[in-house]
All heavy atoms as atom14 arrays in JSON, in Angstrom:
{
  "sequence": "ADMNVYAARSAQRVRLGMAPGNSTTVFTVPPGLVSG",
  "atom14_mask": [
    [1, 1, 1, 1, 1, 0, 0, 0, 0, 0, 0, 0, 0, 0],
    [1, 1, 1, 1, 1, 1, 1, 1, 0, 0, 0, 0, 0, 0],
    [1, 1, 1, 1, 1, 1, 1, 1, 0, 0, 0, 0, 0, 0],
    [1, 1, 1, 1, 1, 1, 1, 1, 0, 0, 0, 0, 0, 0],
    [1, 1, 1, 1, 1, 1, 1, 0, 0, 0, 0, 0, 0, 0],
    [1, 1, 1, 1, 1, 1, 1, 1, 1, 1, 1, 1, 0, 0],
    [1, 1, 1, 1, 1, 0, 0, 0, 0, 0, 0, 0, 0, 0],
    [1, 1, 1, 1, 1, 0, 0, 0, 0, 0, 0, 0, 0, 0],
    [1, 1, 1, 1, 1, 1, 1, 1, 1, 1, 1, 0, 0, 0],
    [1, 1, 1, 1, 1, 1, 0, 0, 0, 0, 0, 0, 0, 0],
    [1, 1, 1, 1, 1, 0, 0, 0, 0, 0, 0, 0, 0, 0],
    [1, 1, 1, 1, 1, 1, 1, 1, 1, 0, 0, 0, 0, 0],
    [1, 1, 1, 1, 1, 1, 1, 1, 1, 1, 1, 0, 0, 0],
    [1, 1, 1, 1, 1, 1, 1, 0, 0, 0, 0, 0, 0, 0],
    [1, 1, 1, 1, 1, 1, 1, 1, 1, 1, 1, 0, 0, 0],
    [1, 1, 1, 1, 1, 1, 1, 1, 0, 0, 0, 0, 0, 0],
    [1, 1, 1, 1, 0, 0, 0, 0, 0, 0, 0, 0, 0, 0],
    [1, 1, 1, 1, 1, 1, 1, 1, 0, 0, 0, 0, 0, 0],
    [1, 1, 1, 1, 1, 0, 0, 0, 0, 0, 0, 0, 0, 0],
    [1, 1, 1, 1, 1, 1, 1, 0, 0, 0, 0, 0, 0, 0],
    [1, 1, 1, 1, 0, 0, 0, 0, 0, 0, 0, 0, 0, 0],
    [1, 1, 1, 1, 1, 1, 1, 1, 0, 0, 0, 0, 0, 0],
    [1, 1, 1, 1, 1, 1, 0, 0, 0, 0, 0, 0, 0, 0],
    [1, 1, 1, 1, 1, 1, 1, 0, 0, 0, 0, 0, 0, 0],
    [1, 1, 1, 1, 1, 1, 1, 0, 0, 0, 0, 0, 0, 0],
    [1, 1, 1, 1, 1, 1, 1, 0, 0, 0, 0, 0, 0, 0],
    [1, 1, 1, 1, 1, 1, 1, 1, 1, 1, 1, 0, 0, 0],
    [1, 1, 1, 1, 1, 1, 1, 0, 0, 0, 0, 0, 0, 0],
    [1, 1, 1, 1, 1, 1, 1, 0, 0, 0, 0, 0, 0, 0],
    [1, 1, 1, 1, 1, 1, 1, 0, 0, 0, 0, 0, 0, 0],
    [1, 1, 1, 1, 1, 1, 1, 0, 0, 0, 0, 0, 0, 0],
    [1, 1, 1, 1, 0, 0, 0, 0, 0, 0, 0, 0, 0, 0],
    [1, 1, 1, 1, 1, 1, 1, 1, 0, 0, 0, 0, 0, 0],
    [1, 1, 1, 1, 1, 1, 1, 0, 0, 0, 0, 0, 0, 0],
    [1, 1, 1, 1, 1, 1, 0, 0, 0, 0, 0, 0, 0, 0],
    [1, 1, 1, 1, 0, 0, 0, 0, 0, 0, 0, 0, 0, 0]
  ],
  "atom14_positions": [
    [[78.27, 103.11, 95.13], [79.68, 102.7, 95.07], [80.53, 103.4, 96.12], [80.36, 104.58, 96.39], [80.24, 102.99, 93.69], [0.0, 0.0, 0.0], [0.0, 0.0, 0.0], [0.0, 0.0, 0.0], [0.0, 0.0, 0.0], [0.0, 0.0, 0.0], [0.0, 0.0, 0.0], [0.0, 0.0, 0.0], [0.0, 0.0, 0.0], [0.0, 0.0, 0.0]],
    [[81.46, 102.63, 96.72], [82.46, 103.23, 97.59], [83.43, 104.04, 96.73], [83.69, 103.66, 95.59], [83.23, 102.15, 98.35], [82.34, 101.33, 99.28], [81.23, 101.81, 99.64], [82.74, 100.23, 99.66], [0.0, 0.0, 0.0], [0.0, 0.0, 0.0], [0.0, 0.0, 0.0], [0.0, 0.0, 0.0], [0.0, 0.0, 0.0], [0.0, 0.0, 0.0]],
    [[83.94, 105.14, 97.28], [84.83, 106.01, 96.51], [86.13, 106.25, 97.26], [86.13, 106.51, 98.47], [84.18, 107.39, 96.32], [82.88, 107.37, 95.57], [83.2, 107.34, 93.82], [81.56, 107.62, 93.19], [0.0, 0.0, 0.0], [0.0, 0.0, 0.0], [0.0, 0.0, 0.0], [0.0, 0.0, 0.0], [0.0, 0.0, 0.0], [0.0, 0.0, 0.0]],
    [[87.25, 106.17, 96.53], [88.53, 106.65, 97.05], [88.55, 108.14, 96.77], [88.25, 108.58, 95.66], [89.7, 105.97, 96.36], [89.95, 104.58, 96.89], [89.86, 104.36, 98.1], [90.23, 103.64, 96.02], [0.0, 0.0, 0.0], [0.0, 0.0, 0.0], [0.0, 0.0, 0.0], [0.0, 0.0, 0.0], [0.0, 0.0, 0.0], [0.0, 0.0, 0.0]],
    [[88.89, 108.93, 97.8], [88.87, 110.38, 97.67], [90.31, 110.91, 97.75], [91.08, 110.48, 98.62], [88.01, 111.01, 98.77], [88.03, 112.52, 98.68], [86.59, 110.48, 98.69], [0.0, 0.0, 0.0], [0.0, 0.0, 0.0], [0.0, 0.0, 0.0], [0.0, 0.0, 0.0], [0.0, 0.0, 0.0], [0.0, 0.0, 0.0], [0.0, 0.0, 0.0]],
    [[90.65, 111.8, 96.82], [91.98, 112.38, 96.74], [91.87, 113.89, 96.71], [90.88, 114.45, 96.23], [92.69, 111.94, 95.44], [92.85, 110.46, 95.28], [91.83, 109.7, 94.68], [93.99, 109.82, 95.69], [91.97, 108.34, 94.53], [94.13, 108.45, 95.54], [93.12, 107.71, 94.97], [93.26, 106.36, 94.81], [0.0, 0.0, 0.0], [0.0, 0.0, 0.0]],
    [[92.92, 114.57, 97.2], [93.08, 116.01, 97.04], [94.29, 116.17, 96.12], [95.3, 115.48, 96.27], [93.32, 116.69, 98.37], [0.0, 0.0, 0.0], [0.0, 0.0, 0.0], [0.0, 0.0, 0.0], [0.0, 0.0, 0.0], [0.0, 0.0, 0.0], [0.0, 0.0, 0.0], [0.0, 0.0, 0.0], [0.0, 0.0, 0.0], [0.0, 0.0, 0.0]],
    [[94.18, 117.07, 95.15], [95.26, 117.26, 94.19], [95.65, 118.72, 94.08], [94.79, 119.61, 94.05], [94.84, 116.74, 92.82], [0.0, 0.0, 0.0], [0.0, 0.0, 0.0], [0.0, 0.0, 0.0], [0.0, 0.0, 0.0], [0.0, 0.0, 0.0], [0.0, 0.0, 0.0], [0.0, 0.0, 0.0], [0.0, 0.0, 0.0], [0.0, 0.0, 0.0]],
    [[96.96, 118.95, 94.07], [97.51, 120.3, 93.92], [98.67, 120.19, 92.96], [99.61, 119.44, 93.2], [97.96, 120.82, 95.27], [98.6, 122.16, 95.23], [98.97, 122.57, 96.63], [100.35, 123.02, 96.63], [100.98, 123.43, 97.69], [100.37, 123.4, 98.86], [102.19, 123.84, 97.63], [0.0, 0.0, 0.0], [0.0, 0.0, 0.0], [0.0, 0.0, 0.0]],
    [[98.62, 120.94, 91.88], [99.65, 120.87, 90.84], [99.79, 119.42, 90.38], [98.81, 118.81, 90.01], [100.98, 121.44, 91.31], [100.82, 122.77, 91.73], [0.0, 0.0, 0.0], [0.0, 0.0, 0.0], [0.0, 0.0, 0.0], [0.0, 0.0, 0.0], [0.0, 0.0, 0.0], [0.0, 0.0, 0.0], [0.0, 0.0, 0.0], [0.0, 0.0, 0.0]],
    [[100.99, 118.86, 90.49], [101.19, 117.45, 90.06], [101.1, 116.5, 91.25], [101.29, 115.31, 91.08], [102.55, 117.35, 89.4], [0.0, 0.0, 0.0], [0.0, 0.0, 0.0], [0.0, 0.0, 0.0], [0.0, 0.0, 0.0], [0.0, 0.0, 0.0], [0.0, 0.0, 0.0], [0.0, 0.0, 0.0], [0.0, 0.0, 0.0], [0.0, 0.0, 0.0]],
    [[100.8, 117.01, 92.42], [100.74, 116.2, 93.64], [99.3, 115.74, 93.9], [98.37, 116.52, 93.89], [101.24, 117.02, 94.83], [101.31, 116.27, 96.12], [101.84, 117.16, 97.25], [101.85, 118.37, 97.14], [102.22, 116.54, 98.33], [0.0, 0.0, 0.0], [0.0, 0.0, 0.0], [0.0, 0.0, 0.0], [0.0, 0.0, 0.0], [0.0, 0.0, 0.0]],
    [[99.13, 114.42, 94.14], [97.83, 113.86, 94.46], [97.96, 113.04, 95.74], [98.81, 112.16, 95.82], [97.35, 112.97, 93.31], [95.97, 112.4, 93.53], [95.49, 111.75, 92.26], [95.55, 110.31, 92.41], [94.83, 109.45, 91.71], [94.01, 109.89, 90.78], [94.96, 108.17, 91.9], [0.0, 0.0, 0.0], [0.0, 0.0, 0.0], [0.0, 0.0, 0.0]],
    [[97.11, 113.35, 96.74], [97.2, 112.69, 98.02], [95.88, 112.01, 98.32], [94.8, 112.64, 98.26], [97.51, 113.73, 99.14], [97.52, 113.06, 100.5], [98.84, 114.42, 98.87], [0.0, 0.0, 0.0], [0.0, 0.0, 0.0], [0.0, 0.0, 0.0], [0.0, 0.0, 0.0], [0.0, 0.0, 0.0], [0.0, 0.0, 0.0], [0.0, 0.0, 0.0]],
    [[95.93, 110.71, 98.65], [94.72, 109.97, 99.02], [94.28, 110.38, 100.41], [95.07, 110.34, 101.35], [94.97, 108.46, 98.96], [93.73, 107.65, 99.23], [94.02, 106.16, 99.08], [92.81, 105.36, 99.27], [92.37, 104.9, 100.43], [93.05, 105.14, 101.53], [91.27, 104.18, 100.49], [0.0, 0.0, 0.0], [0.0, 0.0, 0.0], [0.0, 0.0, 0.0]],
    [[93.02, 110.79, 100.53], [92.46, 111.19, 101.82], [91.82, 110.01, 102.52], [91.81, 109.93, 103.75], [91.45, 112.31, 101.64], [91.99, 113.58, 100.97], [90.88, 114.6, 100.79], [93.15, 114.15, 101.76], [0.0, 0.0, 0.0], [0.0, 0.0, 0.0], [0.0, 0.0, 0.0], [0.0, 0.0, 0.0], [0.0, 0.0, 0.0], [0.0, 0.0, 0.0]],
    [[91.26, 109.07, 101.74], [90.63, 107.9, 102.34], [89.49, 107.38, 101.48], [89.34, 107.78, 100.32], [0.0, 0.0, 0.0], [0.0, 0.0, 0.0], [0.0, 0.0, 0.0], [0.0, 0.0, 0.0], [0.0, 0.0, 0.0], [0.0, 0.0, 0.0], [0.0, 0.0, 0.0], [0.0, 0.0, 0.0], [0.0, 0.0, 0.0], [0.0, 0.0, 0.0]],
    [[88.7, 106.47, 102.05], [87.62, 105.83, 101.34], [86.29, 106.32, 101.92], [86.1, 106.3, 103.13], [87.71, 104.32, 101.45], [86.81, 103.56, 100.49], [85.24, 103.04, 101.19], [85.73, 101.96, 102.48], [0.0, 0.0, 0.0], [0.0, 0.0, 0.0], [0.0, 0.0, 0.0], [0.0, 0.0, 0.0], [0.0, 0.0, 0.0], [0.0, 0.0, 0.0]],
    [[85.41, 106.77, 101.03], [84.08, 107.22, 101.43], [83.08, 106.12, 101.02], [82.81, 105.9, 99.84], [83.71, 108.53, 100.72], [0.0, 0.0, 0.0], [0.0, 0.0, 0.0], [0.0, 0.0, 0.0], [0.0, 0.0, 0.0], [0.0, 0.0, 0.0], [0.0, 0.0, 0.0], [0.0, 0.0, 0.0], [0.0, 0.0, 0.0], [0.0, 0.0, 0.0]],
    [[82.53, 105.4, 102.02], [81.57, 104.35, 101.7], [80.31, 104.9, 101.04], [79.93, 106.06, 101.25], [81.21, 103.73, 103.06], [82.25, 104.24, 104.01], [82.77, 105.51, 103.45], [0.0, 0.0, 0.0], [0.0, 0.0, 0.0], [0.0, 0.0, 0.0], [0.0, 0.0, 0.0], [0.0, 0.0, 0.0], [0.0, 0.0, 0.0], [0.0, 0.0, 0.0]],
    [[79.66, 104.07, 100.23], [78.41, 104.47, 99.58], [77.33, 104.77, 100.6], [77.33, 104.22, 101.7], [0.0, 0.0, 0.0], [0.0, 0.0, 0.0], [0.0, 0.0, 0.0], [0.0, 0.0, 0.0], [0.0, 0.0, 0.0], [0.0, 0.0, 0.0], [0.0, 0.0, 0.0], [0.0, 0.0, 0.0], [0.0, 0.0, 0.0], [0.0, 0.0, 0.0]],
    [[76.43, 105.67, 100.24], [75.29, 106.05, 101.09], [75.68, 106.49, 102.49], [75.08, 106.1, 103.48], [74.27, 104.9, 101.17], [73.71, 104.56, 99.84], [73.32, 105.44, 99.08], [73.68, 103.29, 99.5], [0.0, 0.0, 0.0], [0.0, 0.0, 0.0], [0.0, 0.0, 0.0], [0.0, 0.0, 0.0], [0.0, 0.0, 0.0], [0.0, 0.0, 0.0]],
    [[76.75, 107.31, 102.59], [77.18, 107.76, 103.89], [77.92, 109.11, 103.74], [78.24, 109.54, 102.66], [78.1, 106.76, 104.54], [79.3, 106.65, 103.81], [0.0, 0.0, 0.0], [0.0, 0.0, 0.0], [0.0, 0.0, 0.0], [0.0, 0.0, 0.0], [0.0, 0.0, 0.0], [0.0, 0.0, 0.0], [0.0, 0.0, 0.0], [0.0, 0.0, 0.0]],
    [[78.14, 109.75, 104.88], [78.91, 110.99, 104.93], [80.18, 110.74, 105.73], [80.13, 110.15, 106.8], [78.09, 112.11, 105.59], [76.91, 112.32, 104.81], [78.86, 113.4, 105.67], [0.0, 0.0, 0.0], [0.0, 0.0, 0.0], [0.0, 0.0, 0.0], [0.0, 0.0, 0.0], [0.0, 0.0, 0.0], [0.0, 0.0, 0.0], [0.0, 0.0, 0.0]],
    [[81.31, 111.15, 105.16], [82.61, 110.92, 105.77], [83.38, 112.23, 105.77], [83.29, 112.99, 104.81], [83.4, 109.85, 104.96], [82.58, 108.73, 104.75], [84.66, 109.43, 105.69], [0.0, 0.0, 0.0], [0.0, 0.0, 0.0], [0.0, 0.0, 0.0], [0.0, 0.0, 0.0], [0.0, 0.0, 0.0], [0.0, 0.0, 0.0], [0.0, 0.0, 0.0]],
    [[84.14, 112.5, 106.83], [84.97, 113.7, 106.9], [86.43, 113.28, 106.94], [86.82, 112.44, 107.71], [84.62, 114.54, 108.18], [85.51, 115.76, 108.25], [83.15, 114.93, 108.16], [0.0, 0.0, 0.0], [0.0, 0.0, 0.0], [0.0, 0.0, 0.0], [0.0, 0.0, 0.0], [0.0, 0.0, 0.0], [0.0, 0.0, 0.0], [0.0, 0.0, 0.0]],
    [[87.21, 113.91, 106.05], [88.65, 113.65, 105.96], [89.41, 114.93, 106.27], [88.95, 116.02, 105.93], [89.05, 113.18, 104.55], [88.35, 111.95, 104.08], [87.34, 112.02, 103.15], [88.71, 110.71, 104.58], [86.68, 110.89, 102.72], [88.06, 109.58, 104.15], [87.04, 109.66, 103.22], [0.0, 0.0, 0.0], [0.0, 0.0, 0.0], [0.0, 0.0, 0.0]],
    [[90.58, 114.78, 106.89], [91.47, 115.92, 107.11], [92.41, 116.03, 105.92], [93.02, 115.04, 105.51], [92.27, 115.74, 108.41], [91.36, 115.65, 109.48], [93.22, 116.9, 108.62], [0.0, 0.0, 0.0], [0.0, 0.0, 0.0], [0.0, 0.0, 0.0], [0.0, 0.0, 0.0], [0.0, 0.0, 0.0], [0.0, 0.0, 0.0], [0.0, 0.0, 0.0]],
    [[92.51, 117.23, 105.36], [93.46, 117.49, 104.28], [94.83, 117.69, 104.93], [94.95, 118.46, 105.87], [93.05, 118.73, 103.46], [94.07, 119.02, 102.38], [91.66, 118.55, 102.86], [0.0, 0.0, 0.0], [0.0, 0.0, 0.0], [0.0, 0.0, 0.0], [0.0, 0.0, 0.0], [0.0, 0.0, 0.0], [0.0, 0.0, 0.0], [0.0, 0.0, 0.0]],
    [[95.86, 116.98, 104.48], [97.19, 117.11, 105.1], [97.65, 118.57, 105.1], [97.51, 119.27, 104.08], [98.09, 116.27, 104.21], [97.19, 115.3, 103.54], [95.89, 116.03, 103.37], [0.0, 0.0, 0.0], [0.0, 0.0, 0.0], [0.0, 0.0, 0.0], [0.0, 0.0, 0.0], [0.0, 0.0, 0.0], [0.0, 0.0, 0.0], [0.0, 0.0, 0.0]],
    [[98.16, 119.06, 106.23], [98.59, 120.45, 106.34], [99.64, 120.85, 105.3], [99.67, 121.99, 104.85], [99.19, 120.55, 107.76], [98.64, 119.39, 108.51], [98.35, 118.33, 107.5], [0.0, 0.0, 0.0], [0.0, 0.0, 0.0], [0.0, 0.0, 0.0], [0.0, 0.0, 0.0], [0.0, 0.0, 0.0], [0.0, 0.0, 0.0], [0.0, 0.0, 0.0]],
    [[100.47, 119.92, 104.87], [101.49, 120.21, 103.86], [100.9, 120.53, 102.5], [101.57, 121.07, 101.63], [0.0, 0.0, 0.0], [0.0, 0.0, 0.0], [0.0, 0.0, 0.0], [0.0, 0.0, 0.0], [0.0, 0.0, 0.0], [0.0, 0.0, 0.0], [0.0, 0.0, 0.0], [0.0, 0.0, 0.0], [0.0, 0.0, 0.0], [0.0, 0.0, 0.0]],
    [[99.64, 120.18, 102.29], [98.98, 120.41, 101.02], [98.32, 121.8, 100.93], [98.1, 122.3, 99.87], [97.92, 119.32, 100.79], [97.5, 119.01, 99.38], [98.7, 118.59, 98.53], [96.47, 117.9, 99.37], [0.0, 0.0, 0.0], [0.0, 0.0, 0.0], [0.0, 0.0, 0.0], [0.0, 0.0, 0.0], [0.0, 0.0, 0.0], [0.0, 0.0, 0.0]],
    [[98.04, 122.38, 102.12], [97.37, 123.69, 102.16], [98.27, 124.67, 102.9], [98.55, 124.5, 104.07], [96.02, 123.58, 102.9], [95.33, 124.92, 102.95], [95.12, 122.54, 102.26], [0.0, 0.0, 0.0], [0.0, 0.0, 0.0], [0.0, 0.0, 0.0], [0.0, 0.0, 0.0], [0.0, 0.0, 0.0], [0.0, 0.0, 0.0], [0.0, 0.0, 0.0]],
    [[98.7, 125.7, 102.15], [99.5, 126.76, 102.79], [98.96, 128.09, 102.28], [99.05, 128.4, 101.11], [100.99, 126.6, 102.46], [101.16, 126.61, 101.06], [0.0, 0.0, 0.0], [0.0, 0.0, 0.0], [0.0, 0.0, 0.0], [0.0, 0.0, 0.0], [0.0, 0.0, 0.0], [0.0, 0.0, 0.0], [0.0, 0.0, 0.0], [0.0, 0.0, 0.0]],
    [[98.35, 128.84, 103.17], [97.69, 130.07, 102.76], [96.52, 129.73, 101.85], [95.87, 128.7, 101.99], [0.0, 0.0, 0.0], [0.0, 0.0, 0.0], [0.0, 0.0, 0.0], [0.0, 0.0, 0.0], [0.0, 0.0, 0.0], [0.0, 0.0, 0.0], [0.0, 0.0, 0.0], [0.0, 0.0, 0.0], [0.0, 0.0, 0.0], [0.0, 0.0, 0.0]]
  ]
}
């Protein structure tokens, strides 16, 4: 199955993208989501 991938922090959830089945995908986490 293809997967929608999200990063979540507190009550905030950000869609990173879609990861197709049987594959490897790299997503960038938005800089505003990671501080320290």
